[in-house]
Protein backbone atom coordinates (compact mmCIF):
# COMPACT_ATOMS: atom_id res chain seq x y z
CA MET A 1 31.54 -53.30 40.84
CA LEU A 2 33.08 -52.02 44.07
CA ARG A 3 31.66 -53.19 47.36
CA GLY A 4 30.74 -50.58 49.95
CA THR A 5 32.45 -50.65 53.32
CA ASP A 6 29.18 -51.19 55.16
CA GLU A 7 28.25 -54.39 53.34
CA ARG A 8 28.70 -57.70 55.06
CA PRO A 9 30.91 -60.23 53.34
CA ALA A 10 29.13 -63.03 51.60
CA GLY A 11 28.88 -66.19 53.65
CA PRO A 12 28.81 -69.78 52.42
CA GLY A 13 26.29 -70.26 49.68
CA GLY A 14 26.48 -66.62 48.58
CA ASP A 15 24.25 -65.17 51.32
CA SER A 16 25.08 -61.77 52.73
CA GLY A 17 26.17 -62.75 56.23
CA PRO A 18 24.40 -63.89 59.38
CA PRO A 19 20.66 -64.37 59.53
CA ALA A 20 18.53 -61.33 60.34
CA ALA A 21 17.96 -62.51 63.93
CA GLU A 22 21.70 -62.50 64.67
CA ALA A 23 22.14 -59.18 62.90
CA GLU A 24 19.53 -57.60 65.20
CA GLY A 25 21.26 -58.98 68.30
CA VAL A 26 18.76 -61.77 68.94
CA HIS A 27 20.24 -64.86 70.52
CA PRO A 28 18.41 -67.88 69.04
CA GLY A 29 19.35 -70.18 71.94
CA ALA A 30 17.88 -67.75 74.48
CA ARG A 31 14.74 -67.40 72.38
CA HIS A 32 14.20 -71.17 72.21
CA LEU A 33 14.89 -71.61 75.93
CA GLY A 34 12.52 -68.77 76.80
CA LEU A 35 9.72 -70.16 74.65
CA LEU A 36 10.15 -73.63 76.16
CA LEU A 37 10.11 -72.28 79.73
CA ILE A 38 7.04 -70.13 78.98
CA ALA A 39 5.20 -73.18 77.64
CA VAL A 40 6.13 -75.22 80.73
CA HIS A 41 5.17 -72.40 83.10
CA LEU A 42 1.84 -71.68 81.42
CA GLY A 43 1.08 -75.40 81.33
CA LEU A 44 1.63 -75.53 85.09
CA VAL A 45 -0.51 -72.41 85.61
CA VAL A 46 -3.38 -73.86 83.55
CA TRP A 47 -3.10 -77.17 85.43
CA LEU A 48 -3.30 -75.29 88.75
CA ALA A 49 -6.23 -73.24 87.45
CA PHE A 50 -8.26 -76.39 86.85
CA GLN A 51 -7.75 -77.83 90.32
CA PRO A 52 -11.03 -78.09 92.21
CA ILE A 53 -11.72 -75.34 94.75
CA SER A 54 -12.61 -76.61 98.20
CA ALA A 55 -14.48 -73.72 99.75
CA ALA A 56 -17.74 -73.51 101.66
CA TRP A 57 -18.59 -70.28 99.84
CA MET A 58 -17.14 -68.15 97.08
CA ALA A 59 -17.03 -64.41 96.59
CA ASP A 60 -19.09 -62.91 93.79
CA THR A 61 -17.59 -61.78 90.48
CA ASN A 62 -15.40 -58.71 91.03
CA LEU A 63 -14.93 -56.10 88.33
CA THR A 64 -13.88 -53.29 90.72
CA PRO A 65 -10.09 -52.87 90.74
CA PHE A 66 -8.43 -53.72 94.08
CA ALA A 67 -11.73 -54.45 95.89
CA THR A 68 -10.61 -57.98 96.71
CA VAL A 69 -7.17 -56.73 97.75
CA ARG A 70 -8.73 -54.25 100.20
CA ALA A 71 -11.03 -56.97 101.54
CA GLU A 72 -8.13 -59.42 102.04
CA LEU A 73 -6.03 -56.76 103.77
CA SER A 74 -8.93 -55.81 106.05
CA VAL A 75 -9.30 -59.46 107.14
CA GLY A 76 -5.59 -59.54 108.02
CA THR A 77 -5.19 -63.29 108.44
CA THR A 78 -2.27 -65.36 107.26
CA HIS A 79 -4.52 -67.04 104.71
CA SER A 80 -5.56 -63.69 103.19
CA TYR A 81 -1.93 -62.56 102.91
CA LEU A 82 -1.01 -65.88 101.28
CA GLU A 83 -3.84 -65.42 98.77
CA LEU A 84 -2.44 -62.00 97.81
CA LEU A 85 1.08 -63.43 97.59
CA HIS A 86 -0.23 -66.26 95.40
CA GLY A 87 -1.80 -63.70 93.06
CA LEU A 88 1.51 -61.80 92.81
CA LEU A 89 3.72 -64.84 92.28
CA LEU A 90 1.58 -67.01 89.99
CA LEU A 91 2.62 -65.33 86.73
CA ALA A 92 5.65 -63.36 88.02
CA PRO A 93 8.17 -65.62 86.20
CA LEU A 94 6.80 -64.23 82.93
CA GLY A 95 8.52 -60.96 83.84
CA VAL A 96 11.80 -62.74 83.12
CA LEU A 97 10.70 -65.41 80.65
CA LEU A 98 9.06 -63.07 78.13
CA PRO A 99 12.24 -60.97 77.64
CA LEU A 100 14.26 -64.20 77.54
CA ALA A 101 12.00 -65.43 74.73
CA GLY A 102 12.69 -62.16 72.93
CA GLY A 103 16.41 -62.97 73.13
CA ARG A 104 17.56 -59.33 72.89
CA ARG A 105 20.46 -58.40 75.14
CA ASP A 106 20.55 -54.75 74.04
CA ALA A 107 16.84 -53.89 74.27
CA ALA A 108 15.97 -50.50 75.73
CA ALA A 109 14.74 -50.74 79.32
CA LEU A 110 11.42 -48.89 79.18
CA PRO A 111 10.05 -50.40 75.94
CA SER A 112 11.08 -53.86 77.14
CA PHE A 113 9.33 -53.28 80.48
CA LEU A 114 6.14 -52.02 78.80
CA ARG A 115 6.07 -54.88 76.26
CA THR A 116 6.58 -57.45 79.00
CA VAL A 117 3.90 -56.06 81.31
CA PHE A 118 1.40 -55.68 78.45
CA ALA A 119 1.99 -59.24 77.19
CA GLY A 120 1.81 -60.53 80.76
CA LEU A 121 -1.50 -58.75 81.36
CA LEU A 122 -2.89 -60.28 78.17
CA LEU A 123 -1.82 -63.75 79.30
CA ALA A 124 -3.23 -63.17 82.81
CA THR A 125 -6.53 -62.05 81.31
CA GLY A 126 -6.62 -65.13 79.10
CA VAL A 127 -5.96 -67.44 82.06
CA GLU A 128 -8.64 -65.67 84.14
CA VAL A 129 -11.27 -65.86 81.38
CA LEU A 130 -10.41 -69.51 80.67
CA GLN A 131 -10.56 -70.36 84.36
CA SER A 132 -13.87 -68.58 84.92
CA SER A 133 -15.52 -70.06 81.84
CA LEU A 134 -14.43 -73.68 82.34
CA THR A 135 -14.40 -74.05 86.15
CA SER A 136 -16.41 -72.80 89.10
CA HIS A 137 -13.94 -69.95 89.66
CA LEU A 138 -15.60 -66.54 89.28
CA LEU A 139 -14.06 -63.70 87.31
CA ASN A 140 -11.95 -61.35 89.46
CA VAL A 141 -10.17 -58.37 87.93
CA ASP A 142 -7.82 -58.26 90.94
CA ASP A 143 -6.30 -61.59 89.87
CA VAL A 144 -5.25 -59.95 86.60
CA LEU A 145 -3.98 -56.80 88.33
CA LEU A 146 -1.97 -58.74 90.92
CA ALA A 147 -0.48 -60.89 88.17
CA GLY A 148 0.50 -57.73 86.26
CA ILE A 149 2.13 -56.23 89.35
CA GLY A 150 4.02 -59.46 89.98
CA ILE A 151 5.26 -59.54 86.36
CA ALA A 152 6.31 -55.89 86.55
CA LEU A 153 8.20 -56.40 89.82
CA ALA A 154 10.00 -59.51 88.54
CA HIS A 155 11.00 -57.74 85.34
CA ALA A 156 12.20 -54.57 87.09
CA ALA A 157 14.16 -56.54 89.69
CA LEU A 158 15.97 -58.96 87.40
CA VAL A 159 15.99 -58.16 83.69
CA PRO A 160 17.92 -54.84 83.55
CA ALA A 161 20.62 -56.16 85.88
CA ALA A 162 20.91 -59.42 83.91
CA ARG A 163 21.19 -57.57 80.60
CA ALA A 164 23.84 -55.23 82.03
CA ALA A 165 25.83 -58.22 83.30
CA LEU A 166 25.62 -59.90 79.87
CA ARG A 167 26.80 -56.70 78.15
CA ARG A 168 29.75 -56.41 80.58
CA ARG A 169 30.66 -60.05 79.99
CA ASP A 170 30.55 -59.62 76.21
CA ARG A 171 32.63 -56.43 76.41
CA ALA A 172 35.21 -58.23 78.57
CA ARG A 173 35.35 -61.09 76.07
CA ALA A 174 35.78 -58.65 73.20
CA ASP A 175 38.52 -56.77 75.07
CA GLY A 176 40.24 -60.07 75.85
CA ALA A 177 40.07 -61.10 72.20
CA VAL A 178 41.58 -57.78 71.12
CA ARG A 179 44.39 -58.07 73.66
CA THR A 180 45.25 -61.64 72.74
CA GLY A 181 45.00 -60.79 69.05
CA SER A 182 47.59 -58.03 69.43
CA PHE A 183 50.25 -60.44 70.65
CA GLY A 184 51.70 -62.37 67.82
CA ILE A 185 54.81 -62.91 65.81
CA ALA A 186 55.65 -59.92 63.75
CA PRO A 187 56.42 -60.65 60.13
CA THR A 188 60.10 -60.44 59.30
CA ALA A 189 61.36 -58.29 56.53
CA PRO A 190 62.84 -60.14 53.57
CA SER A 191 66.61 -60.35 53.78
CA PRO A 192 68.59 -58.57 51.03
CA ARG A 193 70.49 -60.87 48.64
């Protein structure tokens, strides 16, 4: 039977080439590193979430979007700005770590951004619910929204540029391999007897 030109050659053991992850452009090393860093980061976030709060009073549960943000901005103190910055930065690394755990260098920008922000919002909601149910911290929807904004900003600022740099590097390596492969010793024609 003739083999089609689009089939991959059989690898060792009779399989039909690289695993499906490599065929889709997924880098397994990046995926493992991303998952490890996500676990470490979320472990640190959960540890910070369970630290005791030393406050004379606490605000009531907030389910109105950006009410706490408006209140902090109206106070205008350094402490209130640091609280907002803390909310933005707490889960912001997930904007980079979630795509890294995906391991795809050639992912489309908008779907990757939407997947990352959605997954980050789910994780932020989980942390907020866990924190409010197991500690004296009260539920605040602004914590989830600020975390989502931080994740979105980190992703938009770093991931597309990093993927473009990786694609340029891989293209340069491929071009270099083609150039070095073209220089070689030409076969000699057999001499007549």
